[in-house]
Protein backbone atom coordinates (compact mmCIF):
# COMPACT_ATOMS: atom_id res chain seq x y z
CA UNK A 1 111.41 128.62 122.30
CA UNK A 2 111.78 131.61 124.59
CA UNK A 3 111.19 135.06 123.19
CA UNK A 4 114.07 137.37 123.94
CA UNK A 5 113.05 140.83 125.05
CA UNK A 6 115.15 143.47 123.39
CA UNK A 7 115.10 146.91 124.89
CA UNK A 8 113.88 149.81 122.79
CA UNK A 9 117.16 151.63 123.18
CA UNK A 10 119.07 148.67 121.72
CA UNK A 11 116.78 148.53 118.70
CA UNK A 12 117.10 152.25 118.11
CA UNK A 13 120.86 151.81 117.81
CA UNK A 14 120.47 148.88 115.36
CA UNK A 15 117.48 150.11 113.37
CA UNK A 16 117.36 153.35 111.47
CA UNK A 17 115.79 156.25 113.32
CA UNK A 18 113.94 157.64 110.30
CA UNK A 19 110.40 156.31 109.89
CA UNK A 20 110.76 155.68 106.15
CA UNK A 21 113.99 153.74 106.54
CA UNK A 22 112.48 151.74 109.42
CA UNK A 23 109.51 150.82 107.23
CA UNK A 24 111.82 149.63 104.45
CA UNK A 25 113.91 147.64 106.93
CA UNK A 26 110.83 145.90 108.38
CA UNK A 27 109.30 145.14 104.99
CA UNK A 28 112.62 143.84 103.64
CA UNK A 29 112.68 140.95 106.12
CA UNK A 30 108.96 140.27 105.83
CA UNK A 31 107.87 140.56 102.21
CA UNK A 32 108.79 137.63 100.03
CA UNK A 33 109.47 135.45 103.08
CA UNK A 34 107.96 132.00 102.36
CA UNK A 35 107.17 131.48 106.05
CA UNK A 36 104.30 133.98 105.80
CA UNK A 37 101.15 133.72 103.70
CA UNK A 38 100.02 136.27 101.14
CA UNK A 39 97.34 137.52 103.51
CA UNK A 40 99.96 138.09 106.21
CA UNK A 41 102.13 139.97 103.70
CA UNK A 42 99.20 142.22 102.82
CA UNK A 43 98.29 142.91 106.45
CA UNK A 44 101.91 143.63 107.34
CA UNK A 45 102.35 145.97 104.39
CA UNK A 46 99.19 147.85 105.39
CA UNK A 47 100.25 148.06 109.05
CA UNK A 48 103.77 149.27 108.25
CA UNK A 49 102.55 152.00 105.92
CA UNK A 50 99.78 153.14 108.28
CA UNK A 51 101.88 153.14 111.47
CA UNK A 52 103.36 156.53 112.43
CA UNK A 53 104.69 155.48 115.83
CA UNK A 54 108.43 154.59 115.70
CA UNK A 55 108.56 152.71 119.07
CA UNK A 56 105.49 150.65 118.11
CA UNK A 57 106.96 149.81 114.71
CA UNK A 58 110.23 148.89 116.41
CA UNK A 59 108.42 146.52 118.80
CA UNK A 60 106.52 145.06 115.89
CA UNK A 61 109.83 144.46 114.07
CA UNK A 62 111.14 142.55 117.13
CA UNK A 63 107.95 140.48 117.21
CA UNK A 64 108.32 139.66 113.49
CA UNK A 65 111.90 138.47 114.09
CA UNK A 66 110.72 136.29 116.98
CA UNK A 67 107.92 134.85 114.81
CA UNK A 68 110.37 134.07 112.01
CA UNK A 69 112.60 132.22 114.50
CA UNK A 70 109.58 130.31 115.89
CA UNK A 71 108.36 129.29 112.43
CA UNK A 72 111.85 128.19 111.36
CA UNK A 73 112.11 126.01 114.47
CA UNK A 74 108.64 124.55 113.84
CA UNK A 75 109.53 123.80 110.21
CA UNK A 76 112.79 122.10 111.28
CA UNK A 77 110.90 120.03 113.86
CA UNK A 78 108.30 119.02 111.25
CA UNK A 79 111.06 117.96 108.82
CA UNK A 80 112.70 115.80 111.48
CA UNK A 81 109.35 114.19 112.35
CA UNK A 82 108.65 113.50 108.68
CA UNK A 83 112.10 111.94 108.25
CA UNK A 84 111.59 109.75 111.32
CA UNK A 85 108.15 108.65 110.11
CA UNK A 86 109.54 107.79 106.67
CA UNK A 87 112.41 105.81 108.21
CA UNK A 88 110.03 103.84 110.43
CA UNK A 89 107.76 103.05 107.50
CA UNK A 90 110.71 101.67 105.53
CA UNK A 91 111.94 99.62 108.48
CA UNK A 92 108.57 98.02 109.19
CA UNK A 93 108.31 94.61 107.59
CA UNK A 94 105.36 93.60 105.47
CA UNK A 95 104.15 91.06 108.02
CA UNK A 96 104.22 93.50 110.93
CA UNK A 97 100.67 94.53 111.75
CA UNK A 98 101.53 97.22 114.27
CA UNK A 99 98.79 98.53 116.50
CA UNK A 100 95.94 97.69 114.13
CA UNK A 101 93.49 95.16 115.57
CA UNK A 102 93.03 91.90 113.74
CA UNK A 103 89.86 91.37 111.75
CA UNK A 104 87.33 89.19 113.61
CA UNK A 105 86.99 85.69 112.20
CA UNK A 106 83.47 84.63 111.20
CA UNK A 107 81.81 82.10 113.48
CA UNK A 108 81.84 78.64 111.84
CA UNK A 109 78.50 77.07 111.05
CA UNK A 110 78.50 73.55 112.46
CA UNK A 111 75.95 70.90 111.58
CA UNK A 112 75.29 68.18 114.18
CA UNK A 113 76.89 64.90 113.15
CA UNK A 114 79.61 66.59 111.12
CA UNK A 115 83.14 66.57 112.45
CA UNK A 116 84.03 69.70 114.31
CA UNK A 117 85.98 72.11 112.09
CA UNK A 118 88.72 72.72 114.65
CA UNK A 119 89.21 68.98 115.33
CA UNK A 120 87.86 69.33 118.85
CA UNK A 121 86.43 65.79 118.56
CA UNK A 122 89.98 64.43 118.90
CA UNK A 123 90.18 65.94 122.35
CA UNK A 124 86.70 64.88 123.37
CA UNK A 125 86.35 62.66 126.42
CA UNK A 126 84.51 59.31 126.67
CA UNK A 127 81.32 60.90 127.92
CA UNK A 128 81.27 63.30 124.97
CA UNK A 129 81.67 60.48 122.45
CA UNK A 130 78.86 58.43 124.02
CA UNK A 131 76.55 61.42 124.08
CA UNK A 132 77.33 62.12 120.45
CA UNK A 133 76.67 58.46 119.49
CA UNK A 134 73.25 58.50 121.17
CA UNK A 135 72.22 61.79 119.65
CA UNK A 136 69.23 61.57 117.31
CA UNK A 137 67.37 64.55 115.99
CA UNK A 138 63.61 64.44 116.53
CA UNK A 139 62.71 64.04 112.86
CA UNK A 140 65.35 61.45 111.92
CA UNK A 141 64.71 57.81 111.00
CA UNK A 142 66.26 54.96 112.94
CA UNK A 143 68.34 52.24 111.32
CA UNK A 144 65.39 49.78 111.58
CA UNK A 145 63.22 52.06 109.45
CA UNK A 146 65.94 52.34 106.82
CA UNK A 147 66.52 48.59 106.39
CA UNK A 148 64.18 46.69 104.05
CA UNK A 149 61.46 44.87 105.94
CA UNK A 150 61.86 41.06 105.42
CA UNK A 151 58.34 40.36 106.72
CA UNK A 152 56.60 42.09 103.88
């Protein structure tokens, strides 16, 4: 928002020329205003009562009016952003994940000889099936060792 520069002569015609009245006029718009913190109220009150320079106090009054306008605009913008955010949260469905990345899936533990968990054996070629049929771990027993021995 652009700050409008108001000439000192214009403010002298609008604002009272007496220092005491000018102080009351400045403090009336500032004190009790919820846009300013308590610390800002205290500093402003101290400055207004200590300042003896009418043109400086007049410029300060113009700056306070510009700051009030800026803070009102910022508060209105924040309210509109909050309303938009609330509307978007209500519109988003429960299944919509948005920009959040999906959780990584744990790697499946596969034991040789067991069917593959993702049914990849259905898509296996002939060579893969033959290689799987001939596979024997080093410490496994053959079928001949498992059968009872008729010669004994």
